[in-house]
Amino acid sequence: MAFKQPTVHKKSMAPGGVALLVTLLVVAVVCASVYSRESQDGFLHNVQSVTGMAAAPVQFLGTGVAFAEEAAGDAVENATVSDQSYTALKEENAKLKSQVIQLEEYRQEAQRLQGLLDLSDQYATEGVTARVIGLASDAWDRVITVGVGSNAGVEPGLPVMGSSGLLGQVVEVSPLTCKVRLIDDPQSGVSVYIQSNRAEGVVKGSVEGLLYLENVDSSVEVKVGDVIVTSGLGGSYFRGMELGTVSAVRASAGTSDRTIVVSPLSVADPLEEVTVVMSAAEQPADESAAADSASGASKKPAGATAGE
């Protein structure tokens, strides 16, 4: 069976359309020729300027729309960040915070150790520094445990210092640890003298945690601010270590008795690292007195005795 080929009818351009196209081409050529020949103030140049000014707001609006579309696209992209990326950022932030905390711990530890080193240089002592691994359990038994023992040469009776001053004395030793009785323990007693007048006494601890200076002759004047120094009597502590200062003197009505309160230098020390003092340079009594006199502390009230 034969198929009949369809007939395609082509439309020809109307004579009016051809004439219009030719006319427009002629006008365009003429306008281009005139535009190129006239000055900047010519008619066609003015028409071009007016047309540009009229189209400027439309161009600005188009630019703003394009910018808004771009910003919206960025916002959508940021809002669709994967959960994995968000979790990674949180983990990184937590890691950085942890590092900051660790660095601060290192800084504070270095500051405490520098204080112990400075104190060792001040008193010309030698010892071993270790961490406090156990704190006092109650006011009746103010004993701490330090992470150093007989394997490092620690023996009972050795003094222990914090970064500001005297802390206590070793009372018990094991190969790896030792127990230290603090100077404010009720069973503690330190032989001392008052630096300004050389009067001797004993600083004792108490249940309330205060230090009291006792066994001082009633004729000796004791003032707030007087410096209390270890005398070395009895061999419990090395001579010449500053223990604290007198913070209060309370007289008893009708008697010569008085209560002398001593504020220790180590009262604000954090119990984290301490130094067990193994040896100290000898301080002869006459040199100590000469040093006190040179500092203006040689004035003695009536009845005061030179204790050394």
C-alpha atoms as a PDB file:
ATOM      1  CA  MET A   1       0.000   0.000   0.000  1.00  0.00           C
ATOM      2  CA  ALA A   2       1.499   3.364  -1.056  1.00  0.00           C
ATOM      3  CA  PHE A   3       1.417   6.377   1.287  1.00  0.00           C
ATOM      4  CA  LYS A   4       0.751   9.745  -0.211  1.00  0.00           C
ATOM      5  CA  GLN A   5       3.453  12.284   0.565  1.00  0.00           C
ATOM      6  CA  PRO A   6       1.874  15.284   2.389  1.00  0.00           C
ATOM      7  CA  THR A   7       2.156  18.602   0.711  1.00  0.00           C
ATOM      8  CA  VAL A   8       3.964  21.387   2.635  1.00  0.00           C
ATOM      9  CA  HIS A   9       2.802  24.881   1.923  1.00  0.00           C
ATOM     10  CA  LYS A  10       5.441  27.622   2.561  1.00  0.00           C
ATOM     11  CA  LYS A  11       4.246  31.015   3.637  1.00  0.00           C
ATOM     12  CA  SER A  12       5.883  33.930   1.928  1.00  0.00           C
ATOM     13  CA  MET A  13       6.560  37.251   3.721  1.00  0.00           C
ATOM     14  CA  ALA A  14       3.940  39.839   3.001  1.00  0.00           C
ATOM     15  CA  PRO A  15       5.121  42.822   0.910  1.00  0.00           C
ATOM     16  CA  GLY A  16       4.227  45.176   3.809  1.00  0.00           C
ATOM     17  CA  GLY A  17       6.586  43.347   6.205  1.00  0.00           C
ATOM     18  CA  VAL A  18       9.502  43.549   3.798  1.00  0.00           C
ATOM     19  CA  ALA A  19       8.973  47.269   3.319  1.00  0.00           C
ATOM     20  CA  LEU A  20       8.923  47.830   7.132  1.00  0.00           C
ATOM     21  CA  LEU A  21      12.161  45.900   7.622  1.00  0.00           C
ATOM     22  CA  VAL A  22      13.892  47.847   4.872  1.00  0.00           C
ATOM     23  CA  THR A  23      12.661  51.133   6.339  1.00  0.00           C
ATOM     24  CA  LEU A  24      13.968  50.251   9.822  1.00  0.00           C
ATOM     25  CA  LEU A  25      17.365  49.301   8.398  1.00  0.00           C
ATOM     26  CA  VAL A  26      17.580  52.587   6.520  1.00  0.00           C
ATOM     27  CA  VAL A  27      16.611  54.548   9.680  1.00  0.00           C
ATOM     28  CA  ALA A  28      19.210  52.661  11.741  1.00  0.00           C
ATOM     29  CA  VAL A  29      21.955  53.384   9.231  1.00  0.00           C
ATOM     30  CA  VAL A  30      20.988  57.059   9.075  1.00  0.00           C
ATOM     31  CA  CYS A  31      20.872  57.344  12.911  1.00  0.00           C
ATOM     32  CA  ALA A  32      24.274  55.688  13.235  1.00  0.00           C
ATOM     33  CA  SER A  33      25.732  58.041  10.648  1.00  0.00           C
ATOM     34  CA  VAL A  34      24.249  61.102  12.317  1.00  0.00           C
ATOM     35  CA  TYR A  35      25.335  59.912  15.835  1.00  0.00           C
ATOM     36  CA  SER A  36      28.896  59.484  14.688  1.00  0.00           C
ATOM     37  CA  ARG A  37      29.018  62.899  13.088  1.00  0.00           C
ATOM     38  CA  GLU A  38      27.248  65.047  15.726  1.00  0.00           C
ATOM     39  CA  SER A  39      28.816  66.539  18.876  1.00  0.00           C
ATOM     40  CA  GLN A  40      28.255  65.421  22.518  1.00  0.00           C
ATOM     41  CA  ASP A  41      25.396  67.924  22.762  1.00  0.00           C
ATOM     42  CA  GLY A  42      23.644  66.540  19.722  1.00  0.00           C
ATOM     43  CA  PHE A  43      20.075  65.302  19.657  1.00  0.00           C
ATOM     44  CA  LEU A  44      20.870  61.576  19.542  1.00  0.00           C
ATOM     45  CA  HIS A  45      23.433  61.889  22.368  1.00  0.00           C
ATOM     46  CA  ASN A  46      20.853  63.638  24.552  1.00  0.00           C
ATOM     47  CA  VAL A  47      18.294  60.935  23.795  1.00  0.00           C
ATOM     48  CA  GLN A  48      20.862  58.277  24.818  1.00  0.00           C
ATOM     49  CA  SER A  49      21.577  60.058  28.180  1.00  0.00           C
ATOM     50  CA  VAL A  50      17.886  60.385  29.060  1.00  0.00           C
ATOM     51  CA  THR A  51      17.275  56.736  28.227  1.00  0.00           C
ATOM     52  CA  GLY A  52      20.230  55.649  30.421  1.00  0.00           C
ATOM     53  CA  MET A  53      18.964  57.665  33.397  1.00  0.00           C
ATOM     54  CA  ALA A  54      15.504  56.171  33.043  1.00  0.00           C
ATOM     55  CA  ALA A  55      16.940  52.629  32.958  1.00  0.00           C
ATOM     56  CA  ALA A  56      19.298  53.098  35.971  1.00  0.00           C
ATOM     57  CA  PRO A  57      16.713  52.272  38.691  1.00  0.00           C
ATOM     58  CA  VAL A  58      15.778  49.115  36.833  1.00  0.00           C
ATOM     59  CA  GLN A  59      19.455  48.059  36.640  1.00  0.00           C
ATOM     60  CA  PHE A  60      19.980  48.815  40.379  1.00  0.00           C
ATOM     61  CA  LEU A  61      16.883  46.789  41.257  1.00  0.00           C
ATOM     62  CA  GLY A  62      18.197  43.890  39.197  1.00  0.00           C
ATOM     63  CA  THR A  63      21.543  43.995  41.009  1.00  0.00           C
ATOM     64  CA  GLY A  64      19.799  44.003  44.428  1.00  0.00           C
ATOM     65  CA  VAL A  65      17.647  41.045  43.450  1.00  0.00           C
ATOM     66  CA  ALA A  66      20.728  39.121  42.328  1.00  0.00           C
ATOM     67  CA  PHE A  67      22.531  39.885  45.626  1.00  0.00           C
ATOM     68  CA  ALA A  68      19.502  38.823  47.667  1.00  0.00           C
ATOM     69  CA  GLU A  69      19.295  35.566  45.726  1.00  0.00           C
ATOM     70  CA  GLU A  70      22.999  34.874  46.393  1.00  0.00           C
ATOM     71  CA  ALA A  71      22.642  35.624  50.132  1.00  0.00           C
ATOM     72  CA  ALA A  72      19.582  33.408  50.381  1.00  0.00           C
ATOM     73  CA  GLY A  73      21.489  30.622  48.677  1.00  0.00           C
ATOM     74  CA  ASP A  74      24.360  30.941  51.188  1.00  0.00           C
ATOM     75  CA  ALA A  75      21.943  30.902  54.092  1.00  0.00           C
ATOM     76  CA  VAL A  76      20.271  27.757  52.819  1.00  0.00           C
ATOM     77  CA  GLU A  77      23.681  26.137  52.326  1.00  0.00           C
ATOM     78  CA  ASN A  78      24.789  27.041  55.874  1.00  0.00           C
ATOM     79  CA  ALA A  79      21.514  25.840  57.331  1.00  0.00           C
ATOM     80  CA  THR A  80      21.970  22.482  55.696  1.00  0.00           C
ATOM     81  CA  VAL A  81      25.409  21.721  57.214  1.00  0.00           C
ATOM     82  CA  SER A  82      25.627  18.033  57.897  1.00  0.00           C
ATOM     83  CA  ASP A  83      25.311  16.669  61.422  1.00  0.00           C
ATOM     84  CA  GLN A  84      28.779  15.203  61.060  1.00  0.00           C
ATOM     85  CA  SER A  85      30.358  18.635  60.521  1.00  0.00           C
ATOM     86  CA  TYR A  86      28.479  20.106  63.493  1.00  0.00           C
ATOM     87  CA  THR A  87      29.592  17.253  65.742  1.00  0.00           C
ATOM     88  CA  ALA A  88      33.198  17.697  64.608  1.00  0.00           C
ATOM     89  CA  LEU A  89      33.074  21.413  65.510  1.00  0.00           C
ATOM     90  CA  LYS A  90      31.666  20.635  68.964  1.00  0.00           C
ATOM     91  CA  GLU A  91      34.394  18.082  69.618  1.00  0.00           C
ATOM     92  CA  GLU A  92      37.102  20.522  68.517  1.00  0.00           C
ATOM     93  CA  ASN A  93      35.676  23.230  70.789  1.00  0.00           C
ATOM     94  CA  ALA A  94      35.607  20.843  73.767  1.00  0.00           C
ATOM     95  CA  LYS A  95      39.208  19.820  73.038  1.00  0.00           C
ATOM     96  CA  LEU A  96      40.365  23.460  73.003  1.00  0.00           C
ATOM     97  CA  LYS A  97      38.603  24.163  76.322  1.00  0.00           C
ATOM     98  CA  SER A  98      40.293  21.137  77.874  1.00  0.00           C
ATOM     99  CA  GLN A  99      43.697  22.336  76.681  1.00  0.00           C
ATOM    100  CA  VAL A 100      43.099  25.802  78.189  1.00  0.00           C
ATOM    101  CA  ILE A 101      42.223  24.240  81.564  1.00  0.00           C
ATOM    102  CA  GLN A 102      45.301  22.005  81.442  1.00  0.00           C
ATOM    103  CA  LEU A 103      47.591  24.926  80.615  1.00  0.00           C
ATOM    104  CA  GLU A 104      46.201  26.899  83.570  1.00  0.00           C
ATOM    105  CA  GLU A 105      46.920  23.923  85.852  1.00  0.00           C
ATOM    106  CA  TYR A 106      50.504  23.817  84.584  1.00  0.00           C
ATOM    107  CA  ARG A 107      50.883  27.574  85.184  1.00  0.00           C
ATOM    108  CA  GLN A 108      49.639  27.361  88.773  1.00  0.00           C
ATOM    109  CA  GLU A 109      51.808  24.325  89.529  1.00  0.00           C
ATOM    110  CA  ALA A 110      54.882  26.113  88.169  1.00  0.00           C
ATOM    111  CA  GLN A 111      54.067  29.116  90.377  1.00  0.00           C
ATOM    112  CA  ARG A 112      53.802  26.930  93.491  1.00  0.00           C
ATOM    113  CA  LEU A 113      57.056  25.098  92.728  1.00  0.00           C
ATOM    114  CA  GLN A 114      58.819  28.420  92.134  1.00  0.00           C
ATOM    115  CA  GLY A 115      57.661  29.527  95.601  1.00  0.00           C
ATOM    116  CA  LEU A 116      59.195  26.401  97.171  1.00  0.00           C
ATOM    117  CA  LEU A 117      62.428  26.987  95.270  1.00  0.00           C
ATOM    118  CA  ASP A 118      62.597  30.636  96.364  1.00  0.00           C
ATOM    119  CA  LEU A 119      62.055  29.636 100.000  1.00  0.00           C
ATOM    120  CA  SER A 120      64.793  27.005  99.747  1.00  0.00           C
ATOM    121  CA  ASP A 121      67.183  29.647  98.413  1.00  0.00           C
ATOM    122  CA  GLN A 122      66.180  32.090 101.159  1.00  0.00           C
ATOM    123  CA  TYR A 123      67.016  29.673 103.992  1.00  0.00           C
ATOM    124  CA  ALA A 124      69.797  27.801 102.157  1.00  0.00           C
ATOM    125  CA  THR A 125      68.040  24.469 102.647  1.00  0.00           C
ATOM    126  CA  GLU A 126      68.164  21.213 100.739  1.00  0.00           C
ATOM    127  CA  GLY A 127      65.283  18.787 100.516  1.00  0.00           C
ATOM    128  CA  VAL A 128      62.929  16.746  98.414  1.00  0.00           C
ATOM    129  CA  THR A 129      59.669  18.091  96.980  1.00  0.00           C
ATOM    130  CA  ALA A 130      56.604  15.888  96.563  1.00  0.00           C
ATOM    131  CA  ARG A 131      52.832  16.028  96.198  1.00  0.00           C
ATOM    132  CA  VAL A 132      50.355  15.869  99.053  1.00  0.00           C
ATOM    133  CA  ILE A 133      48.338  12.679  98.521  1.00  0.00           C
ATOM    134  CA  GLY A 134      46.205  12.706 101.668  1.00  0.00           C
ATOM    135  CA  LEU A 135      44.647  15.511 103.742  1.00  0.00           C
ATOM    136  CA  ALA A 136      43.778  15.804 107.429  1.00  0.00           C
ATOM    137  CA  SER A 137      40.549  14.063 108.342  1.00  0.00           C
ATOM    138  CA  ASP A 138      39.515  16.148 111.379  1.00  0.00           C
ATOM    139  CA  ALA A 139      40.548  19.006 113.680  1.00  0.00           C
ATOM    140  CA  TRP A 140      41.919  16.643 116.343  1.00  0.00           C
ATOM    141  CA  ASP A 141      44.414  14.977 114.034  1.00  0.00           C
ATOM    142  CA  ARG A 142      45.723  17.447 111.476  1.00  0.00           C
ATOM    143  CA  VAL A 143      48.093  15.091 109.670  1.00  0.00           C
ATOM    144  CA  ILE A 144      48.672  14.991 105.914  1.00  0.00           C
ATOM    145  CA  THR A 145      50.248  12.287 103.745  1.00  0.00           C
ATOM    146  CA  VAL A 146      53.039  13.163 101.316  1.00  0.00           C
ATOM    147  CA  GLY A 147      54.148  11.040  98.364  1.00  0.00           C
ATOM    148  CA  VAL A 148      57.790  10.592  99.398  1.00  0.00           C
ATOM    149  CA  GLY A 149      59.331   8.271 101.984  1.00  0.00           C
ATOM    150  CA  SER A 150      62.391   6.514 103.341  1.00  0.00           C
ATOM    151  CA  ASN A 151      63.476   5.457  99.837  1.00  0.00           C
ATOM    152  CA  ALA A 152      64.259   9.155  99.255  1.00  0.00           C
ATOM    153  CA  GLY A 153      65.992   9.600 102.604  1.00  0.00           C
ATOM    154  CA  VAL A 154      63.021  11.003 104.559  1.00  0.00           C
ATOM    155  CA  GLU A 155      63.161  10.417 108.322  1.00  0.00           C
ATOM    156  CA  PRO A 156      60.834  11.209 111.240  1.00  0.00           C
ATOM    157  CA  GLY A 157      61.439  14.636 112.762  1.00  0.00           C
ATOM    158  CA  LEU A 158      62.338  16.477 109.547  1.00  0.00           C
ATOM    159  CA  PRO A 159      60.571  19.819 109.020  1.00  0.00           C
ATOM    160  CA  VAL A 160      58.245  20.368 106.073  1.00  0.00           C
ATOM    161  CA  MET A 161      57.709  23.670 104.263  1.00  0.00           C
ATOM    162  CA  GLY A 162      55.113  25.066 101.894  1.00  0.00           C
ATOM    163  CA  SER A 163      55.684  27.817  99.360  1.00  0.00           C
ATOM    164  CA  SER A 164      55.256  30.531 102.047  1.00  0.00           C
ATOM    165  CA  GLY A 165      56.751  29.041 105.183  1.00  0.00           C
ATOM    166  CA  LEU A 166      56.839  26.275 107.744  1.00  0.00           C
ATOM    167  CA  LEU A 167      54.021  23.711 107.524  1.00  0.00           C
ATOM    168  CA  GLY A 168      54.839  20.926 109.965  1.00  0.00           C
ATOM    169  CA  GLN A 169      57.037  17.963 110.822  1.00  0.00           C
ATOM    170  CA  VAL A 170      57.408  14.377 109.617  1.00  0.00           C
ATOM    171  CA  VAL A 171      56.026  11.980 112.251  1.00  0.00           C
ATOM    172  CA  GLU A 172      55.829   8.681 110.380  1.00  0.00           C
ATOM    173  CA  VAL A 173      57.654   7.217 107.384  1.00  0.00           C
ATOM    174  CA  SER A 174      57.116   4.318 104.972  1.00  0.00           C
ATOM    175  CA  PRO A 175      59.243   3.467 101.923  1.00  0.00           C
ATOM    176  CA  LEU A 176      57.117   5.568  99.548  1.00  0.00           C
ATOM    177  CA  THR A 177      55.148   7.961 101.762  1.00  0.00           C
ATOM    178  CA  CYS A 178      55.354   9.930 104.974  1.00  0.00           C
ATOM    179  CA  LYS A 179      52.900  11.528 107.389  1.00  0.00           C
ATOM    180  CA  VAL A 180      53.328  15.164 108.380  1.00  0.00           C
ATOM    181  CA  ARG A 181      51.785  16.749 111.474  1.00  0.00           C
ATOM    182  CA  LEU A 182      50.836  20.354 110.691  1.00  0.00           C
ATOM    183  CA  ILE A 183      51.907  23.130 113.062  1.00  0.00           C
ATOM    184  CA  ASP A 184      48.255  23.920 113.902  1.00  0.00           C
ATOM    185  CA  ASP A 185      47.610  20.367 115.127  1.00  0.00           C
ATOM    186  CA  PRO A 186      46.690  20.281 118.866  1.00  0.00           C
ATOM    187  CA  GLN A 187      49.661  17.960 119.519  1.00  0.00           C
ATOM    188  CA  SER A 188      52.167  20.202 117.704  1.00  0.00           C
ATOM    189  CA  GLY A 189      54.725  22.401 119.451  1.00  0.00           C
ATOM    190  CA  VAL A 190      57.496  24.528 117.922  1.00  0.00           C
ATOM    191  CA  SER A 191      60.273  26.195 119.914  1.00  0.00           C
ATOM    192  CA  VAL A 192      60.534  29.832 118.753  1.00  0.00           C
ATOM    193  CA  TYR A 193      61.722  33.280 119.696  1.00  0.00           C
ATOM    194  CA  ILE A 194      60.314  36.750 119.089  1.00  0.00           C
ATOM    195  CA  GLN A 195      62.636  38.399 116.588  1.00  0.00           C
ATOM    196  CA  SER A 196      62.337  41.922 118.027  1.00  0.00           C
ATOM    197  CA  ASN A 197      63.391  41.096 121.585  1.00  0.00           C
ATOM    198  CA  ARG A 198      64.790  37.517 121.397  1.00  0.00           C
ATOM    199  CA  ALA A 199      62.298  36.289 124.012  1.00  0.00           C
ATOM    200  CA  GLU A 200      61.712  32.559 123.746  1.00  0.00           C
ATOM    201  CA  GLY A 201      58.479  30.636 123.763  1.00  0.00           C
ATOM    202  CA  VAL A 202      56.583  27.734 122.223  1.00  0.00           C
ATOM    203  CA  VAL A 203      53.994  27.946 119.455  1.00  0.00           C
ATOM    204  CA  LYS A 204      51.252  25.347 119.894  1.00  0.00           C
ATOM    205  CA  GLY A 205      48.341  24.319 117.718  1.00  0.00           C
ATOM    206  CA  SER A 206      44.715  23.981 118.782  1.00  0.00           C
ATOM    207  CA  VAL A 207      41.469  22.254 117.904  1.00  0.00           C
ATOM    208  CA  GLU A 208      40.106  25.471 116.361  1.00  0.00           C
ATOM    209  CA  GLY A 209      43.138  25.632 114.060  1.00  0.00           C
ATOM    210  CA  LEU A 210      44.711  28.708 115.683  1.00  0.00           C
ATOM    211  CA  LEU A 211      48.339  29.025 116.780  1.00  0.00           C
ATOM    212  CA  TYR A 212      49.130  30.278 120.295  1.00  0.00           C
ATOM    213  CA  LEU A 213      52.471  31.561 121.573  1.00  0.00           C
ATOM    214  CA  GLU A 214      52.991  30.271 125.099  1.00  0.00           C
ATOM    215  CA  ASN A 215      55.684  30.168 127.812  1.00  0.00           C
ATOM    216  CA  VAL A 216      56.709  33.779 127.182  1.00  0.00           C
ATOM    217  CA  ASP A 217      57.751  35.686 130.317  1.00  0.00           C
ATOM    218  CA  SER A 218      55.018  38.089 131.387  1.00  0.00           C
ATOM    219  CA  SER A 219      57.538  40.951 131.598  1.00  0.00           C
ATOM    220  CA  VAL A 220      58.261  40.745 127.864  1.00  0.00           C
ATOM    221  CA  GLU A 221      56.353  43.166 125.679  1.00  0.00           C
ATOM    222  CA  VAL A 222      54.633  41.394 122.777  1.00  0.00           C
ATOM    223  CA  LYS A 223      53.078  43.482 120.019  1.00  0.00           C
ATOM    224  CA  VAL A 224      50.895  42.724 117.040  1.00  0.00           C
ATOM    225  CA  GLY A 225      53.142  42.302 114.025  1.00  0.00           C
ATOM    226  CA  ASP A 226      56.089  40.811 115.915  1.00  0.00           C
ATOM    227  CA  VAL A 227      57.855  38.182 113.799  1.00  0.00           C
ATOM    228  CA  ILE A 228      58.105  34.655 115.222  1.00  0.00           C
ATOM    229  CA  VAL A 229      61.165  32.577 114.228  1.00  0.00           C
ATOM    230  CA  THR A 230      62.114  28.966 114.988  1.00  0.00           C
ATOM    231  CA  SER A 231      64.847  28.737 117.630  1.00  0.00           C
ATOM    232  CA  GLY A 232      66.019  25.199 116.901  1.00  0.00           C
ATOM    233  CA  LEU A 233      65.846  24.221 120.590  1.00  0.00           C
ATOM    234  CA  GLY A 234      65.040  20.568 121.094  1.00  0.00           C
ATOM    235  CA  GLY A 235      66.210  19.734 117.583  1.00  0.00           C
ATOM    236  CA  SER A 236      62.706  19.531 116.153  1.00  0.00           C
ATOM    237  CA  TYR A 237      63.118  22.343 113.629  1.00  0.00           C
ATOM    238  CA  PHE A 238      66.091  24.066 112.053  1.00  0.00           C
ATOM    239  CA  ARG A 239      66.926  27.441 113.547  1.00  0.00           C
ATOM    240  CA  GLY A 240      66.038  30.705 111.807  1.00  0.00           C
ATOM    241  CA  MET A 241      62.873  29.738 109.861  1.00  0.00           C
ATOM    242  CA  GLU A 242      60.182  32.393 109.977  1.00  0.00           C
ATOM    243  CA  LEU A 243      56.981  30.812 111.251  1.00  0.00           C
ATOM    244  CA  GLY A 244      54.543  33.731 111.283  1.00  0.00           C
ATOM    245  CA  THR A 245      53.584  36.987 112.974  1.00  0.00           C
ATOM    246  CA  VAL A 246      51.662  37.930 116.105  1.00  0.00           C
ATOM    247  CA  SER A 247      48.097  38.753 115.093  1.00  0.00           C
ATOM    248  CA  ALA A 248      46.493  39.366 118.502  1.00  0.00           C
ATOM    249  CA  VAL A 249      47.453  39.909 122.154  1.00  0.00           C
ATOM    250  CA  ARG A 250      44.582  39.522 124.640  1.00  0.00           C
ATOM    251  CA  ALA A 251      45.172  40.378 128.285  1.00  0.00           C
ATOM    252  CA  SER A 252      43.244  38.666 131.067  1.00  0.00           C
ATOM    253  CA  ALA A 253      41.523  41.010 133.508  1.00  0.00           C
ATOM    254  CA  GLY A 254      43.098  41.117 136.954  1.00  0.00           C
ATOM    255  CA  THR A 255      46.049  38.865 136.089  1.00  0.00           C
ATOM    256  CA  SER A 256      49.297  38.982 134.174  1.00  0.00           C
ATOM    257  CA  ASP A 257      48.151  36.156 131.934  1.00  0.00           C
ATOM    258  CA  ARG A 258      47.608  36.874 128.252  1.00  0.00           C
ATOM    259  CA  THR A 259      46.712  35.042 125.085  1.00  0.00           C
ATOM    260  CA  ILE A 260      49.035  35.568 122.132  1.00  0.00           C
ATOM    261  CA  VAL A 261      47.705  34.473 118.718  1.00  0.00           C
ATOM    262  CA  VAL A 262      50.145  33.826 115.866  1.00  0.00           C
ATOM    263  CA  SER A 263      49.182  33.936 112.193  1.00  0.00           C
ATOM    264  CA  PRO A 264      51.348  31.461 110.212  1.00  0.00           C
ATOM    265  CA  LEU A 265      52.903  32.478 106.904  1.00  0.00           C
ATOM    266  CA  SER A 266      51.689  29.250 105.329  1.00  0.00           C
ATOM    267  CA  VAL A 267      48.040  29.812 106.240  1.00  0.00           C
ATOM    268  CA  ALA A 268      47.067  30.565 102.621  1.00  0.00           C
ATOM    269  CA  ASP A 269      49.222  27.852 101.027  1.00  0.00           C
ATOM    270  CA  PRO A 270      47.346  25.274  98.958  1.00  0.00           C
ATOM    271  CA  LEU A 271      48.312  21.826 100.263  1.00  0.00           C
ATOM    272  CA  GLU A 272      49.388  20.374  96.935  1.00  0.00           C
ATOM    273  CA  GLU A 273      53.206  20.300  96.869  1.00  0.00           C
ATOM    274  CA  VAL A 274      55.553  20.522  99.877  1.00  0.00           C
ATOM    275  CA  THR A 275      59.282  20.229 100.539  1.00  0.00           C
ATOM    276  CA  VAL A 276      60.712  17.938 103.191  1.00  0.00           C
ATOM    277  CA  VAL A 277      63.826  19.772 104.435  1.00  0.00           C
ATOM    278  CA  MET A 278      66.787  17.383 104.700  1.00  0.00           C
ATOM    279  CA  SER A 279      69.427  19.925 105.731  1.00  0.00           C
ATOM    280  CA  ALA A 280      69.848  23.646 106.301  1.00  0.00           C
ATOM    281  CA  ALA A 281      72.784  26.007 106.633  1.00  0.00           C
ATOM    282  CA  GLU A 282      73.699  26.706 110.251  1.00  0.00           C
ATOM    283  CA  GLN A 283      72.773  30.145 111.610  1.00  0.00           C
ATOM    284  CA  PRO A 284      74.859  31.023 114.672  1.00  0.00           C
ATOM    285  CA  ALA A 285      72.992  32.855 117.396  1.00  0.00           C
ATOM    286  CA  ASP A 286      75.315  35.864 117.299  1.00  0.00           C
ATOM    287  CA  GLU A 287      74.845  36.290 113.531  1.00  0.00           C
ATOM    288  CA  SER A 288      71.068  36.132 113.903  1.00  0.00           C
ATOM    289  CA  ALA A 289      71.117  38.786 116.598  1.00  0.00           C
ATOM    290  CA  ALA A 290      73.397  40.992 114.516  1.00  0.00           C
ATOM    291  CA  ALA A 291      71.067  40.687 111.544  1.00  0.00           C
ATOM    292  CA  ASP A 292      68.089  41.634 113.700  1.00  0.00           C
ATOM    293  CA  SER A 293      69.947  44.643 115.110  1.00  0.00           C
ATOM    294  CA  ALA A 294      70.872  45.796 111.622  1.00  0.00           C
ATOM    295  CA  SER A 295      67.196  45.702 110.608  1.00  0.00           C
ATOM    296  CA  GLY A 296      66.255  47.995 113.494  1.00  0.00           C
ATOM    297  CA  ALA A 297      64.864  45.254 115.736  1.00  0.00           C
ATOM    298  CA  SER A 298      67.431  45.540 118.528  1.00  0.00           C
ATOM    299  CA  LYS A 299      65.334  47.759 120.798  1.00  0.00           C
ATOM    300  CA  LYS A 300      64.314  45.894 123.964  1.00  0.00           C
ATOM    301  CA  PRO A 301      61.687  46.948 126.478  1.00  0.00           C
ATOM    302  CA  ALA A 302      62.517  47.048 130.158  1.00  0.00           C
ATOM    303  CA  GLY A 303      62.774  43.533 131.577  1.00  0.00           C
ATOM    304  CA  ALA A 304      63.305  41.832 128.224  1.00  0.00           C
ATOM    305  CA  THR A 305      65.922  39.100 128.066  1.00  0.00           C
ATOM    306  CA  ALA A 306      68.114  37.932 125.234  1.00  0.00           C
ATOM    307  CA  GLY A 307      66.912  34.398 124.668  1.00  0.00           C
ATOM    308  CA  GLU A 308      69.848  33.030 122.719  1.00  0.00           C
END
